Amino acid sequence: MKSLSEHWNKIFDITEAEKLGWYEREFSQTIKFLNLIPKWEELNIFVAGAGTSGLIEVLMRSKARLVLNDLSLNVSTGQTCVI
């Protein structure tokens, strides 16, 4: 049996991000919800399944401290993360 990581690595390898069931092109609703939280830009934000999320680019422009998580090593965000 494959590990979860191996499974998701294969999914990301063979599937375009836009064709993944959880892909979102537009993030305005998420930003609207965040804007209901006072000073959200200064908080810690955990993003589960961050692998193909364009939301990360938006959040990186804030002062928020991001914790990004994904099971796959083959994610396609195009992001550079300093750890």
N, C-alpha and C. Protein backbone atom coordinates (compact mmCIF):
# COMPACT_ATOMS: atom_id res chain seq x y z
N MET A 1 0.84 -1.18 0.00
CA MET A 1 0.00 0.00 0.00
C MET A 1 0.89 1.24 0.00
N LYS A 2 0.52 2.22 -0.80
CA LYS A 2 1.26 3.48 -0.87
C LYS A 2 1.03 4.31 0.39
N SER A 3 2.03 5.10 0.72
CA SER A 3 1.82 6.06 1.81
C SER A 3 0.95 7.20 1.28
N LEU A 4 0.38 7.98 2.19
CA LEU A 4 -0.42 9.12 1.78
C LEU A 4 0.40 10.10 0.95
N SER A 5 1.64 10.30 1.36
CA SER A 5 2.50 11.22 0.62
C SER A 5 2.73 10.73 -0.81
N GLU A 6 3.00 9.44 -0.96
CA GLU A 6 3.20 8.88 -2.31
C GLU A 6 1.94 9.04 -3.16
N HIS A 7 0.80 8.79 -2.55
CA HIS A 7 -0.46 8.93 -3.26
C HIS A 7 -0.63 10.36 -3.78
N TRP A 8 -0.45 11.35 -2.89
CA TRP A 8 -0.65 12.74 -3.30
C TRP A 8 0.45 13.24 -4.23
N ASN A 9 1.67 12.73 -4.07
CA ASN A 9 2.73 13.09 -5.02
C ASN A 9 2.31 12.71 -6.44
N LYS A 10 1.74 11.51 -6.58
CA LYS A 10 1.31 11.06 -7.91
C LYS A 10 0.18 11.93 -8.45
N ILE A 11 -0.79 12.25 -7.59
CA ILE A 11 -1.91 13.10 -8.02
C ILE A 11 -1.39 14.44 -8.54
N PHE A 12 -0.47 15.07 -7.80
CA PHE A 12 0.06 16.36 -8.23
C PHE A 12 0.90 16.23 -9.50
N ASP A 13 1.57 15.09 -9.67
CA ASP A 13 2.39 14.87 -10.86
C ASP A 13 1.56 14.76 -12.13
N ILE A 14 0.39 14.14 -12.04
CA ILE A 14 -0.37 13.83 -13.26
C ILE A 14 -1.58 14.74 -13.50
N THR A 15 -1.87 15.65 -12.57
CA THR A 15 -3.08 16.48 -12.68
C THR A 15 -2.73 17.96 -12.67
N GLU A 16 -3.28 18.70 -13.62
CA GLU A 16 -3.12 20.16 -13.62
C GLU A 16 -3.87 20.73 -12.42
N ALA A 17 -3.28 21.75 -11.80
CA ALA A 17 -3.87 22.33 -10.59
C ALA A 17 -5.32 22.72 -10.79
N GLU A 18 -5.65 23.31 -11.94
CA GLU A 18 -7.01 23.78 -12.20
C GLU A 18 -8.02 22.64 -12.26
N LYS A 19 -7.56 21.42 -12.45
CA LYS A 19 -8.46 20.28 -12.56
C LYS A 19 -8.65 19.53 -11.25
N LEU A 20 -7.94 19.96 -10.22
CA LEU A 20 -8.10 19.33 -8.91
C LEU A 20 -9.41 19.80 -8.29
N GLY A 21 -10.11 18.93 -7.62
CA GLY A 21 -11.42 19.23 -7.08
C GLY A 21 -11.45 20.37 -6.08
N TRP A 22 -10.37 20.64 -5.43
CA TRP A 22 -10.32 21.67 -4.39
C TRP A 22 -9.72 22.97 -4.89
N TYR A 23 -9.40 23.05 -6.17
CA TYR A 23 -8.77 24.24 -6.73
C TYR A 23 -9.73 25.43 -6.68
N GLU A 24 -9.22 26.58 -6.27
CA GLU A 24 -9.98 27.82 -6.27
C GLU A 24 -9.23 28.87 -7.08
N ARG A 25 -9.92 29.49 -8.00
CA ARG A 25 -9.31 30.54 -8.82
C ARG A 25 -9.40 31.90 -8.13
N GLU A 26 -10.39 32.06 -7.29
CA GLU A 26 -10.73 33.37 -6.74
C GLU A 26 -10.89 33.26 -5.22
N PHE A 27 -10.33 34.23 -4.48
CA PHE A 27 -10.25 34.12 -3.02
C PHE A 27 -10.97 35.24 -2.28
N SER A 28 -11.79 36.01 -2.95
CA SER A 28 -12.39 37.18 -2.31
C SER A 28 -13.24 36.80 -1.09
N GLN A 29 -13.95 35.69 -1.13
CA GLN A 29 -14.78 35.29 0.01
C GLN A 29 -13.91 34.98 1.23
N THR A 30 -12.81 34.31 1.03
CA THR A 30 -11.89 34.02 2.14
C THR A 30 -11.35 35.31 2.73
N ILE A 31 -10.97 36.24 1.88
CA ILE A 31 -10.45 37.53 2.35
C ILE A 31 -11.54 38.30 3.10
N LYS A 32 -12.79 38.23 2.61
CA LYS A 32 -13.90 38.88 3.32
C LYS A 32 -14.04 38.32 4.74
N PHE A 33 -13.95 36.99 4.87
CA PHE A 33 -14.04 36.38 6.20
C PHE A 33 -12.87 36.82 7.07
N LEU A 34 -11.67 36.81 6.52
CA LEU A 34 -10.50 37.25 7.29
C LEU A 34 -10.64 38.69 7.75
N ASN A 35 -11.20 39.53 6.90
CA ASN A 35 -11.37 40.94 7.25
C ASN A 35 -12.35 41.17 8.41
N LEU A 36 -13.13 40.15 8.76
CA LEU A 36 -14.01 40.23 9.92
C LEU A 36 -13.23 40.05 11.23
N ILE A 37 -11.99 39.58 11.13
CA ILE A 37 -11.15 39.35 12.30
C ILE A 37 -10.22 40.55 12.48
N PRO A 38 -10.34 41.24 13.61
CA PRO A 38 -9.47 42.41 13.82
C PRO A 38 -7.99 42.03 13.74
N LYS A 39 -7.24 42.81 12.98
CA LYS A 39 -5.78 42.66 12.85
C LYS A 39 -5.36 41.26 12.39
N TRP A 40 -6.17 40.62 11.54
CA TRP A 40 -5.83 39.27 11.08
C TRP A 40 -4.46 39.22 10.42
N GLU A 41 -4.05 40.34 9.82
CA GLU A 41 -2.76 40.36 9.12
C GLU A 41 -1.58 40.16 10.04
N GLU A 42 -1.80 40.26 11.33
CA GLU A 42 -0.72 40.12 12.31
C GLU A 42 -0.78 38.79 13.06
N LEU A 43 -1.68 37.91 12.68
CA LEU A 43 -1.88 36.65 13.38
C LEU A 43 -1.17 35.48 12.71
N ASN A 44 -1.16 34.35 13.39
CA ASN A 44 -0.69 33.09 12.78
C ASN A 44 -1.85 32.50 12.00
N ILE A 45 -1.59 32.05 10.78
CA ILE A 45 -2.63 31.43 9.96
C ILE A 45 -2.13 30.08 9.48
N PHE A 46 -2.89 29.05 9.79
CA PHE A 46 -2.56 27.69 9.35
C PHE A 46 -3.35 27.39 8.09
N VAL A 47 -2.66 26.98 7.03
CA VAL A 47 -3.32 26.64 5.77
C VAL A 47 -3.06 25.16 5.50
N ALA A 48 -4.10 24.35 5.67
CA ALA A 48 -3.98 22.91 5.39
C ALA A 48 -4.18 22.68 3.91
N GLY A 49 -3.41 21.78 3.33
CA GLY A 49 -3.53 21.50 1.91
C GLY A 49 -3.12 22.69 1.06
N ALA A 50 -2.03 23.31 1.42
CA ALA A 50 -1.59 24.55 0.76
C ALA A 50 -0.97 24.33 -0.61
N GLY A 51 -0.82 23.09 -1.01
CA GLY A 51 -0.07 22.75 -2.22
C GLY A 51 -0.40 23.50 -3.48
N THR A 52 -1.66 23.70 -3.79
CA THR A 52 -2.01 24.39 -5.04
C THR A 52 -2.79 25.67 -4.78
N SER A 53 -2.74 26.16 -3.58
CA SER A 53 -3.56 27.31 -3.24
C SER A 53 -2.90 28.62 -3.65
N GLY A 54 -3.57 29.36 -4.53
CA GLY A 54 -3.13 30.71 -4.88
C GLY A 54 -3.38 31.68 -3.74
N LEU A 55 -4.18 31.26 -2.77
CA LEU A 55 -4.43 32.09 -1.61
C LEU A 55 -3.13 32.41 -0.87
N ILE A 56 -2.18 31.50 -0.94
CA ILE A 56 -0.90 31.70 -0.26
C ILE A 56 -0.23 32.98 -0.75
N GLU A 57 -0.27 33.22 -2.05
CA GLU A 57 0.33 34.43 -2.61
C GLU A 57 -0.29 35.68 -2.00
N VAL A 58 -1.61 35.66 -1.85
CA VAL A 58 -2.32 36.79 -1.27
C VAL A 58 -1.92 36.97 0.20
N LEU A 59 -1.89 35.88 0.94
CA LEU A 59 -1.56 35.95 2.36
C LEU A 59 -0.12 36.37 2.60
N MET A 60 0.77 36.01 1.69
CA MET A 60 2.18 36.37 1.85
C MET A 60 2.41 37.87 1.76
N ARG A 61 1.48 38.60 1.17
CA ARG A 61 1.59 40.06 1.10
C ARG A 61 1.23 40.73 2.41
N SER A 62 0.63 39.99 3.32
CA SER A 62 0.27 40.53 4.63
C SER A 62 1.43 40.29 5.59
N LYS A 63 1.26 40.75 6.82
CA LYS A 63 2.27 40.51 7.86
C LYS A 63 1.98 39.21 8.61
N ALA A 64 0.96 38.49 8.19
CA ALA A 64 0.57 37.26 8.88
C ALA A 64 1.71 36.25 8.83
N ARG A 65 1.81 35.49 9.90
CA ARG A 65 2.78 34.40 9.97
C ARG A 65 2.07 33.14 9.49
N LEU A 66 2.53 32.60 8.38
CA LEU A 66 1.84 31.47 7.76
C LEU A 66 2.47 30.15 8.16
N VAL A 67 1.61 29.18 8.44
CA VAL A 67 2.02 27.80 8.65
C VAL A 67 1.35 27.03 7.53
N LEU A 68 2.16 26.54 6.59
CA LEU A 68 1.64 25.86 5.40
C LEU A 68 1.85 24.36 5.54
N ASN A 69 0.84 23.60 5.17
CA ASN A 69 0.88 22.15 5.32
C ASN A 69 0.36 21.49 4.06
N ASP A 70 1.05 20.44 3.62
CA ASP A 70 0.56 19.62 2.53
C ASP A 70 1.21 18.25 2.63
N LEU A 71 0.50 17.21 2.25
CA LEU A 71 1.04 15.85 2.31
C LEU A 71 1.99 15.55 1.17
N SER A 72 1.85 16.25 0.06
CA SER A 72 2.66 15.98 -1.11
C SER A 72 3.93 16.81 -1.11
N LEU A 73 5.00 16.23 -1.62
CA LEU A 73 6.23 16.98 -1.84
C LEU A 73 6.21 17.65 -3.21
N ASN A 74 5.28 17.25 -4.06
CA ASN A 74 5.22 17.71 -5.44
C ASN A 74 4.13 18.75 -5.64
N VAL A 75 4.06 19.70 -4.76
CA VAL A 75 3.04 20.73 -4.86
C VAL A 75 3.41 21.73 -5.94
N SER A 76 2.43 22.47 -6.40
CA SER A 76 2.67 23.35 -7.54
C SER A 76 2.28 24.79 -7.25
N THR A 77 2.70 25.31 -6.11
CA THR A 77 2.35 26.69 -5.79
C THR A 77 3.25 27.69 -6.48
N GLY A 78 4.47 27.28 -6.79
CA GLY A 78 5.42 28.23 -7.33
C GLY A 78 5.94 29.16 -6.25
N GLN A 79 5.72 28.81 -5.00
CA GLN A 79 6.12 29.65 -3.88
C GLN A 79 7.50 29.25 -3.37
N THR A 80 8.21 30.22 -2.87
CA THR A 80 9.46 29.96 -2.18
C THR A 80 9.21 30.22 -0.71
N CYS A 81 9.41 29.22 0.10
CA CYS A 81 9.18 29.37 1.53
C CYS A 81 10.50 29.25 2.27
N VAL A 82 10.75 30.18 3.17
CA VAL A 82 11.94 30.15 4.00
C VAL A 82 11.55 29.58 5.33
N ILE A 83 12.24 28.54 5.75
CA ILE A 83 11.90 27.89 7.03
C ILE A 83 13.07 28.07 7.98
